[in-house]
Amino acid sequence: MKKNPFTNRVSSLSGPARDILPVTPSDTTDLSQVAISLYVETGGTLVVTTVPGRKRFVEVDDFSILPVGATRVHASGTTATGIHSMVLA
């Protein structure tokens, strides 16, 4: 059996994430878990609500990691695709 390096390890905001979840952008629904960062497969505009509750517009390249806590990825204005949230749970 392979040893699990996450056993007995306390989750940390400095990483690594414990899981990665696909994101469906929505103007009305928050992410199921607060993201510690976002991964984007195809670049474009990313519209997010950050942990302090501020709406931000960010341009990202293909295969980008955006190291910001986010509670929502908005559909309106988001052109980036293949978005995934990195979470601690």
N, C-alpha and C. Protein backbone atom coordinates (compact mmCIF):
# COMPACT_ATOMS: atom_id res chain seq x y z
N MET A 1 0.84 -1.18 0.00
CA MET A 1 0.00 0.00 0.00
C MET A 1 0.89 1.24 0.00
N LYS A 2 0.50 2.23 -0.79
CA LYS A 2 1.26 3.47 -0.87
C LYS A 2 1.03 4.32 0.37
N LYS A 3 2.09 4.96 0.81
CA LYS A 3 1.99 5.85 1.96
C LYS A 3 1.32 7.16 1.52
N ASN A 4 0.37 7.62 2.32
CA ASN A 4 -0.35 8.86 2.03
C ASN A 4 0.35 10.01 2.75
N PRO A 5 0.99 10.93 2.00
CA PRO A 5 1.71 12.03 2.63
C PRO A 5 0.79 13.05 3.32
N PHE A 6 -0.51 12.96 3.10
CA PHE A 6 -1.45 13.89 3.71
C PHE A 6 -1.96 13.41 5.06
N THR A 7 -1.68 12.15 5.40
CA THR A 7 -2.10 11.63 6.69
C THR A 7 -1.39 12.41 7.80
N ASN A 8 -2.17 12.87 8.76
CA ASN A 8 -1.64 13.62 9.91
C ASN A 8 -1.03 14.97 9.53
N ARG A 9 -1.31 15.47 8.34
CA ARG A 9 -0.79 16.77 7.93
C ARG A 9 -1.89 17.81 8.05
N VAL A 10 -1.58 18.93 8.65
CA VAL A 10 -2.53 20.01 8.80
C VAL A 10 -2.60 20.77 7.48
N SER A 11 -3.83 21.06 7.00
CA SER A 11 -4.00 21.84 5.77
C SER A 11 -3.45 23.24 5.98
N SER A 12 -2.86 23.78 4.92
CA SER A 12 -2.25 25.10 4.99
C SER A 12 -2.62 25.91 3.76
N LEU A 13 -2.83 27.20 3.94
CA LEU A 13 -3.12 28.07 2.80
C LEU A 13 -1.95 28.17 1.84
N SER A 14 -0.76 27.84 2.31
CA SER A 14 0.41 27.89 1.43
C SER A 14 0.53 26.63 0.57
N GLY A 15 -0.43 25.70 0.75
CA GLY A 15 -0.52 24.55 -0.12
C GLY A 15 0.13 23.31 0.46
N PRO A 16 0.03 22.25 -0.23
CA PRO A 16 -0.72 22.11 -1.47
C PRO A 16 -2.22 21.96 -1.21
N ALA A 17 -3.00 22.17 -2.28
CA ALA A 17 -4.44 21.95 -2.19
C ALA A 17 -4.69 20.47 -1.96
N ARG A 18 -5.80 20.15 -1.35
CA ARG A 18 -6.17 18.75 -1.10
C ARG A 18 -7.01 18.17 -2.23
N ASP A 19 -7.68 19.06 -2.99
CA ASP A 19 -8.53 18.59 -4.09
C ASP A 19 -8.67 19.71 -5.10
N ILE A 20 -9.12 19.35 -6.29
CA ILE A 20 -9.39 20.31 -7.35
C ILE A 20 -10.76 20.00 -7.91
N LEU A 21 -11.61 21.04 -8.00
CA LEU A 21 -13.01 20.86 -8.40
C LEU A 21 -13.32 21.68 -9.64
N PRO A 22 -14.09 21.11 -10.58
CA PRO A 22 -14.49 21.90 -11.74
C PRO A 22 -15.41 23.04 -11.32
N VAL A 23 -15.30 24.17 -12.02
CA VAL A 23 -16.10 25.35 -11.71
C VAL A 23 -17.06 25.63 -12.86
N THR A 24 -18.32 25.84 -12.52
CA THR A 24 -19.31 26.34 -13.47
C THR A 24 -19.57 27.79 -13.08
N PRO A 25 -19.10 28.74 -13.88
CA PRO A 25 -19.32 30.15 -13.54
C PRO A 25 -20.81 30.46 -13.35
N SER A 26 -21.12 31.30 -12.36
CA SER A 26 -22.49 31.67 -12.05
C SER A 26 -22.50 33.07 -11.43
N ASP A 27 -23.49 33.85 -11.81
CA ASP A 27 -23.64 35.18 -11.22
C ASP A 27 -24.41 35.15 -9.92
N THR A 28 -24.98 34.00 -9.57
CA THR A 28 -25.84 33.92 -8.38
C THR A 28 -25.41 32.88 -7.35
N THR A 29 -24.54 31.96 -7.73
CA THR A 29 -24.19 30.86 -6.84
C THR A 29 -22.70 30.88 -6.52
N ASP A 30 -22.38 30.82 -5.22
CA ASP A 30 -20.99 30.74 -4.79
C ASP A 30 -20.43 29.35 -5.08
N LEU A 31 -19.10 29.26 -5.07
CA LEU A 31 -18.44 27.97 -5.20
C LEU A 31 -18.85 27.08 -4.03
N SER A 32 -18.85 25.77 -4.23
CA SER A 32 -19.25 24.86 -3.16
C SER A 32 -18.27 24.90 -1.99
N GLN A 33 -17.02 25.25 -2.25
CA GLN A 33 -16.00 25.43 -1.22
C GLN A 33 -15.17 26.64 -1.61
N VAL A 34 -14.71 27.40 -0.64
CA VAL A 34 -13.87 28.55 -0.93
C VAL A 34 -12.56 28.04 -1.56
N ALA A 35 -12.20 28.63 -2.69
CA ALA A 35 -10.98 28.24 -3.39
C ALA A 35 -9.77 28.94 -2.78
N ILE A 36 -8.66 28.22 -2.65
CA ILE A 36 -7.41 28.88 -2.24
C ILE A 36 -6.66 29.37 -3.47
N SER A 37 -7.03 28.85 -4.64
CA SER A 37 -6.51 29.33 -5.91
C SER A 37 -7.39 28.76 -7.02
N LEU A 38 -7.23 29.32 -8.22
CA LEU A 38 -7.98 28.86 -9.38
C LEU A 38 -7.00 28.45 -10.47
N TYR A 39 -7.34 27.39 -11.18
CA TYR A 39 -6.55 26.93 -12.33
C TYR A 39 -7.41 27.12 -13.56
N VAL A 40 -6.83 27.70 -14.61
CA VAL A 40 -7.57 27.99 -15.84
C VAL A 40 -6.87 27.31 -17.01
N GLU A 41 -7.61 26.48 -17.76
CA GLU A 41 -7.04 25.79 -18.90
C GLU A 41 -6.92 26.71 -20.13
N THR A 42 -7.98 27.45 -20.44
CA THR A 42 -7.98 28.34 -21.60
C THR A 42 -8.14 29.77 -21.12
N GLY A 43 -7.15 30.59 -21.40
CA GLY A 43 -7.11 31.96 -20.89
C GLY A 43 -8.20 32.86 -21.41
N GLY A 44 -8.30 34.01 -20.78
CA GLY A 44 -9.29 35.03 -21.11
C GLY A 44 -9.54 35.86 -19.87
N THR A 45 -10.71 36.44 -19.81
CA THR A 45 -11.09 37.22 -18.63
C THR A 45 -11.70 36.31 -17.59
N LEU A 46 -11.31 36.52 -16.35
CA LEU A 46 -11.86 35.78 -15.22
C LEU A 46 -12.45 36.81 -14.27
N VAL A 47 -13.73 36.67 -13.96
CA VAL A 47 -14.40 37.58 -13.04
C VAL A 47 -14.71 36.79 -11.77
N VAL A 48 -14.11 37.22 -10.66
CA VAL A 48 -14.25 36.48 -9.41
C VAL A 48 -14.67 37.41 -8.28
N THR A 49 -15.30 36.81 -7.27
CA THR A 49 -15.49 37.49 -5.99
C THR A 49 -14.43 36.92 -5.06
N THR A 50 -13.60 37.82 -4.50
CA THR A 50 -12.53 37.39 -3.61
C THR A 50 -13.08 37.16 -2.21
N VAL A 51 -12.28 36.56 -1.36
CA VAL A 51 -12.71 36.24 0.01
C VAL A 51 -13.21 37.49 0.75
N PRO A 52 -12.58 38.68 0.59
CA PRO A 52 -13.13 39.86 1.27
C PRO A 52 -14.43 40.39 0.66
N GLY A 53 -14.91 39.74 -0.42
CA GLY A 53 -16.18 40.13 -1.02
C GLY A 53 -16.08 41.14 -2.15
N ARG A 54 -14.89 41.30 -2.72
CA ARG A 54 -14.71 42.26 -3.81
C ARG A 54 -14.75 41.55 -5.16
N LYS A 55 -15.44 42.15 -6.11
CA LYS A 55 -15.51 41.60 -7.46
C LYS A 55 -14.31 42.11 -8.25
N ARG A 56 -13.57 41.17 -8.84
CA ARG A 56 -12.33 41.51 -9.56
C ARG A 56 -12.35 40.92 -10.97
N PHE A 57 -11.80 41.67 -11.91
CA PHE A 57 -11.66 41.25 -13.30
C PHE A 57 -10.18 41.04 -13.56
N VAL A 58 -9.80 39.84 -14.02
CA VAL A 58 -8.39 39.51 -14.22
C VAL A 58 -8.24 38.83 -15.57
N GLU A 59 -7.21 39.24 -16.31
CA GLU A 59 -6.86 38.56 -17.56
C GLU A 59 -5.85 37.48 -17.24
N VAL A 60 -6.12 36.26 -17.71
CA VAL A 60 -5.20 35.14 -17.45
C VAL A 60 -4.85 34.45 -18.76
N ASP A 61 -3.67 33.86 -18.79
CA ASP A 61 -3.21 33.10 -19.95
C ASP A 61 -3.68 31.65 -19.85
N ASP A 62 -3.49 30.90 -20.93
CA ASP A 62 -3.75 29.47 -20.90
C ASP A 62 -2.92 28.82 -19.80
N PHE A 63 -3.49 27.84 -19.14
CA PHE A 63 -2.83 27.04 -18.11
C PHE A 63 -2.29 27.90 -16.95
N SER A 64 -3.11 28.85 -16.52
CA SER A 64 -2.72 29.76 -15.44
C SER A 64 -3.22 29.27 -14.09
N ILE A 65 -2.44 29.59 -13.07
CA ILE A 65 -2.87 29.42 -11.69
C ILE A 65 -2.97 30.81 -11.10
N LEU A 66 -4.15 31.14 -10.59
CA LEU A 66 -4.39 32.43 -9.95
C LEU A 66 -4.43 32.19 -8.45
N PRO A 67 -3.37 32.57 -7.72
CA PRO A 67 -3.29 32.28 -6.29
C PRO A 67 -4.05 33.30 -5.44
N VAL A 68 -5.37 33.23 -5.52
CA VAL A 68 -6.22 34.14 -4.74
C VAL A 68 -7.40 33.36 -4.18
N GLY A 69 -7.79 33.69 -2.96
CA GLY A 69 -8.98 33.08 -2.38
C GLY A 69 -10.21 33.62 -3.08
N ALA A 70 -11.08 32.73 -3.52
CA ALA A 70 -12.28 33.14 -4.26
C ALA A 70 -13.50 32.40 -3.75
N THR A 71 -14.62 33.12 -3.70
CA THR A 71 -15.88 32.51 -3.29
C THR A 71 -16.84 32.31 -4.45
N ARG A 72 -16.59 33.01 -5.57
CA ARG A 72 -17.47 32.89 -6.74
C ARG A 72 -16.68 33.20 -8.00
N VAL A 73 -17.02 32.48 -9.07
CA VAL A 73 -16.56 32.81 -10.41
C VAL A 73 -17.82 33.21 -11.18
N HIS A 74 -17.86 34.45 -11.63
CA HIS A 74 -19.05 35.00 -12.29
C HIS A 74 -19.13 34.55 -13.75
N ALA A 75 -20.35 34.33 -14.21
CA ALA A 75 -20.57 33.99 -15.61
C ALA A 75 -20.44 35.24 -16.48
N SER A 76 -21.05 36.34 -16.03
CA SER A 76 -21.01 37.58 -16.81
C SER A 76 -19.59 38.13 -16.81
N GLY A 77 -19.03 38.25 -17.99
CA GLY A 77 -17.70 38.80 -18.14
C GLY A 77 -16.59 37.78 -18.18
N THR A 78 -16.85 36.56 -17.72
CA THR A 78 -15.81 35.52 -17.75
C THR A 78 -15.77 34.89 -19.13
N THR A 79 -14.60 34.97 -19.77
CA THR A 79 -14.42 34.32 -21.07
C THR A 79 -13.44 33.15 -20.97
N ALA A 80 -12.69 33.08 -19.89
CA ALA A 80 -11.78 31.94 -19.68
C ALA A 80 -12.61 30.67 -19.49
N THR A 81 -12.05 29.54 -19.87
CA THR A 81 -12.77 28.27 -19.74
C THR A 81 -11.86 27.22 -19.11
N GLY A 82 -12.47 26.10 -18.76
CA GLY A 82 -11.71 25.04 -18.11
C GLY A 82 -11.20 25.49 -16.76
N ILE A 83 -12.10 26.07 -15.97
CA ILE A 83 -11.75 26.64 -14.67
C ILE A 83 -11.93 25.58 -13.59
N HIS A 84 -10.96 25.51 -12.69
CA HIS A 84 -11.01 24.57 -11.57
C HIS A 84 -10.62 25.31 -10.30
N SER A 85 -11.28 24.98 -9.19
CA SER A 85 -10.91 25.57 -7.91
C SER A 85 -10.06 24.59 -7.12
N MET A 86 -9.00 25.10 -6.54
CA MET A 86 -8.16 24.29 -5.66
C MET A 86 -8.62 24.55 -4.24
N VAL A 87 -8.92 23.48 -3.51
CA VAL A 87 -9.53 23.60 -2.18
C VAL A 87 -8.76 22.79 -1.15
N LEU A 88 -9.02 23.11 0.12
CA LEU A 88 -8.33 22.42 1.22
C LEU A 88 -9.08 21.22 1.75
N ALA A 89 -10.37 21.11 1.48
CA ALA A 89 -11.16 20.01 2.05
C ALA A 89 -10.79 18.68 1.45
